């Protein structure tokens, strides 16, 4: 792309000036009349990223944040923003501890082993240049995930804005304490008059290397570790540590199982939803395993506008605030944040080109697919065509998503979390009280699918022998518990949107074991709770007894 192609034809005939500084020659036009020079465009782009993080104040100083990187333009630009924000030249430095995770989805997209190895080599080269701790995992690892990844874990209270300010002040004091100690230690020695006060000169550093005792007695502080990420040369020289993990090559059995799972799905729409669900579960497991409390994704403003319209078409309108908002707290202990949500794809593309941000192209599951092959592709083409004719389309849809409020269906925000979807982990949007609704009708249809109770004299097999996941301790004795069929057990634990997608999966056998096991455990808990419900003392009954 030549430099003149960055401007519309109507603006190339007359000389323009930067709308920010009114001096420099513009190099990019974001919107009609908004022409920026190189420096002003970078300041505008960086300010958007910092403003989103500063306005929400969800990431505390010293907190471990996992950057979800796909190799694409948006996630690559996000990593570069974090890298520049952690540098010493930054005016307002970021104060969290970053890490990068990359999920290899080549098996689901039909890539060969050679192509996957080539892609991983390109990814490692960029990760070594960045210098952050990184984790490379293959999508086949979902077949080894524990069932606990589908459970909501309570998070520690984050506190108010005063708590955030107190955390920042405490972090700055810890950061300045080592510098003051070094200044006091360096005062007795001679100093170079041209060197800063309290810092040893280069000659002193070379002449007096630290002894082994000093090295053991003075380990680097957390602030020094976060402020000075390893360079590319240091990363290549040092062997991978525990924080820089790479998944072992997936076994042929797991690769075949993953291919069989996606081949069994009928439509491309269901395949994309299933891939997104498995990817989210895998990233969540990596975050919990390595102690990350936040996960950053590179969803841009354009991508979130398309996702909002797609979620509406898929029946996920109740969860738009979680799917497109800045923060997503559905998992409890790990919060997903989207700091790139104010950047359009056009801005991301121009920034990556002007400032040489590297990215890696990886074929997706819908690459080269026709426009009408899935709801995702159709909605994307519709939004982009509409945006080309009416430039305010994406911003209008995006601003609408900002007004959505996260509220539970029962209106009790302070109460314990209710039942959650087995796959997307959102609150179940099922209403069994009103059978006229679509959710109630579908639930009543599931109840009709339950097999009739077998007669007492007929020989039956205990449910554990054929149940989902074959969990132990399901039945007491040799009599069957009369549990419904495995598919109904799983379907009844899904929200409406996930139920629609599961219709395109004829059999549940190809699903990863952790999903089937968790479904069986939830069904067993619900059965036991129903049996002992009459023996439990309700809080209202206890209050009435105390009054009497």
Foldseek 3Di string as FASTA:
>chain_A
DDQVVQDDPVPPVDFDAAPPPRPDGFRHAPDVPHGHHPVVLVVVQLCLLVVLCVVVVPDAAAAEEEQEDALDLLSLVVLVSLLVLLAPPDPHHDGYAYEYEYEQACLLQVHDPVVSVVQVVVVVLVCLQSQHQYEYYYLLCLLVDALCLLDADAADDPDDPVSRVVRVVVVVVVVCVVQVVQLVVCVVDDDDPVDDHSDHDPVVCVVDPDDPVVCVVDDDDSRVPRSDRDHSVVSVVDDRDPSRYYDDPDDPVSSVLSNVQSVLFFAVQLSVVVVVLSVVSVVSVVCVVVVHQEYEYRQELLNLLLVQVLCVVLVNPLCLLQSRPQWHCLRRRYIYGYSRHHHDPVSSVVVCVVVVRGGDDDDDNCPPPDQPRYSSSVSSVVQVVVCVVPVCSSVVSSVVSHPDDDADPVRCPPDDQDQAALGPSHHAPADCVDCVDPRVVVVVVLVVQFDDDDDPPDDDAACLVVAFLSDPPLDDDGDHPSDGHRVSLNLVRHHPSVNVSCVSRPDPVSPRSSSRVSSVVVVSVVVVCVVCVVVDDDPVNVVVVVVD
